Amino acid sequence: MQQLLNLSGWPPQGGAGPFDTRKEAFARSPESVTLRRVDRIVGSRIDLTCMFGKEVVTFRFHASSRGMAENVAEVLRHNSGQNLRDLGMLYIADSE
């Protein structure tokens, strides 16, 4: 088991879609983004829909393997509504 914040690639990268991540408020506090839902897993990538204030932002987390992506997605699905800072404190099972 390891904490999500210790995984390579955490926090996920955001900004796909109409929201501009270069805006100053977002750049200062990307960890305050709130997870709305896990959209899908594509290979070892997890696509996430998040909220920053009232703006919808798509995030992508690139896991080290498909198995790890599935483990991370499972934990994230059970903890939607939390921000990236709090999600980073959660523990993830190591992939097989």
Protein backbone atom coordinates (compact mmCIF):
# COMPACT_ATOMS: atom_id res chain seq x y z
CA MET A 1 0.00 0.00 0.00
CA GLN A 2 1.17 3.51 -0.70
CA GLN A 3 -0.31 6.97 -0.55
CA LEU A 4 -1.66 8.42 -3.76
CA LEU A 5 0.48 11.54 -3.31
CA ASN A 6 3.62 9.35 -3.50
CA LEU A 7 2.74 7.93 -6.92
CA SER A 8 4.61 9.23 -9.92
CA GLY A 9 2.34 11.64 -11.79
CA TRP A 10 0.27 12.80 -8.79
CA PRO A 11 -1.37 15.27 -8.76
CA PRO A 12 -3.03 14.67 -12.13
CA GLN A 13 -2.61 17.17 -14.93
CA GLY A 14 -5.60 19.33 -15.77
CA GLY A 15 -6.89 21.73 -18.30
CA ALA A 16 -8.27 19.62 -21.13
CA GLY A 17 -11.36 21.39 -22.36
CA PRO A 18 -12.42 25.03 -22.23
CA PHE A 19 -10.86 25.89 -18.84
CA ASP A 20 -7.52 27.70 -18.95
CA THR A 21 -5.16 26.31 -16.29
CA ARG A 22 -2.85 29.29 -16.73
CA LYS A 23 -5.31 31.54 -14.91
CA GLU A 24 -3.62 32.83 -11.79
CA ALA A 25 -6.14 31.44 -9.27
CA PHE A 26 -5.85 27.95 -10.73
CA ALA A 27 -2.06 28.07 -10.95
CA ARG A 28 -1.82 28.96 -7.25
CA SER A 29 -4.03 26.13 -5.99
CA PRO A 30 -4.57 23.22 -8.40
CA GLU A 31 -4.84 20.86 -5.41
CA SER A 32 -8.10 22.59 -4.40
CA VAL A 33 -9.82 21.13 -7.48
CA THR A 34 -12.67 18.79 -6.46
CA LEU A 35 -13.12 15.37 -8.06
CA ARG A 36 -16.57 14.99 -9.58
CA ARG A 37 -16.21 11.56 -11.23
CA VAL A 38 -13.89 9.05 -12.85
CA ASP A 39 -14.80 9.02 -16.54
CA ARG A 40 -12.78 6.14 -17.95
CA ILE A 41 -9.52 4.24 -17.98
CA VAL A 42 -7.61 4.15 -21.26
CA GLY A 43 -4.60 1.86 -20.95
CA SER A 44 -2.82 3.26 -17.88
CA ARG A 45 -4.45 6.71 -18.11
CA ILE A 46 -7.43 7.73 -15.96
CA ASP A 47 -9.67 10.54 -17.24
CA LEU A 48 -11.33 12.52 -14.45
CA THR A 49 -13.98 15.22 -14.39
CA CYS A 50 -13.25 17.79 -11.70
CA MET A 51 -14.63 21.12 -10.56
CA PHE A 52 -12.66 24.30 -9.91
CA GLY A 53 -15.19 26.66 -8.40
CA LYS A 54 -18.06 26.47 -10.89
CA GLU A 55 -15.84 25.48 -13.81
CA VAL A 56 -15.65 21.89 -15.08
CA VAL A 57 -12.07 20.76 -15.70
CA THR A 58 -10.90 17.48 -17.21
CA PHE A 59 -7.86 15.94 -15.53
CA ARG A 60 -5.69 13.02 -16.58
CA PHE A 61 -3.66 10.81 -14.30
CA HIS A 62 -1.02 8.60 -15.91
CA ALA A 63 -0.45 5.51 -13.76
CA SER A 64 2.55 3.22 -14.04
CA SER A 65 0.42 0.31 -15.33
CA ARG A 66 -3.12 -0.72 -16.20
CA GLY A 67 -3.43 -2.54 -12.87
CA MET A 68 -2.36 0.54 -10.92
CA ALA A 69 -4.76 2.69 -12.97
CA GLU A 70 -7.61 0.36 -12.00
CA ASN A 71 -6.62 0.49 -8.31
CA VAL A 72 -6.38 4.30 -8.33
CA ALA A 73 -9.68 4.67 -10.22
CA GLU A 74 -11.44 2.40 -7.70
CA VAL A 75 -10.31 4.52 -4.75
CA LEU A 76 -11.15 7.76 -6.56
CA ARG A 77 -14.65 6.52 -7.44
CA HIS A 78 -15.34 5.90 -3.74
CA ASN A 79 -14.05 9.35 -2.75
CA SER A 80 -15.58 11.71 -5.31
CA GLY A 81 -16.38 15.12 -3.91
CA GLN A 82 -12.98 15.48 -2.23
CA ASN A 83 -10.22 17.81 -3.41
CA LEU A 84 -6.92 16.64 -4.87
CA ARG A 85 -5.03 17.51 -1.67
CA ASP A 86 -7.26 15.21 0.43
CA LEU A 87 -7.32 12.49 -2.22
CA GLY A 88 -3.52 12.46 -2.19
CA MET A 89 -3.62 11.29 1.45
CA LEU A 90 -5.54 8.10 0.56
CA TYR A 91 -3.83 4.72 0.30
CA ILE A 92 -3.76 2.71 -2.91
CA ALA A 93 -3.16 -1.04 -3.16
CA ASP A 94 -0.05 -1.96 -5.13
CA SER A 95 -0.83 -3.47 -8.51
CA GLU A 96 -0.07 -7.14 -9.16
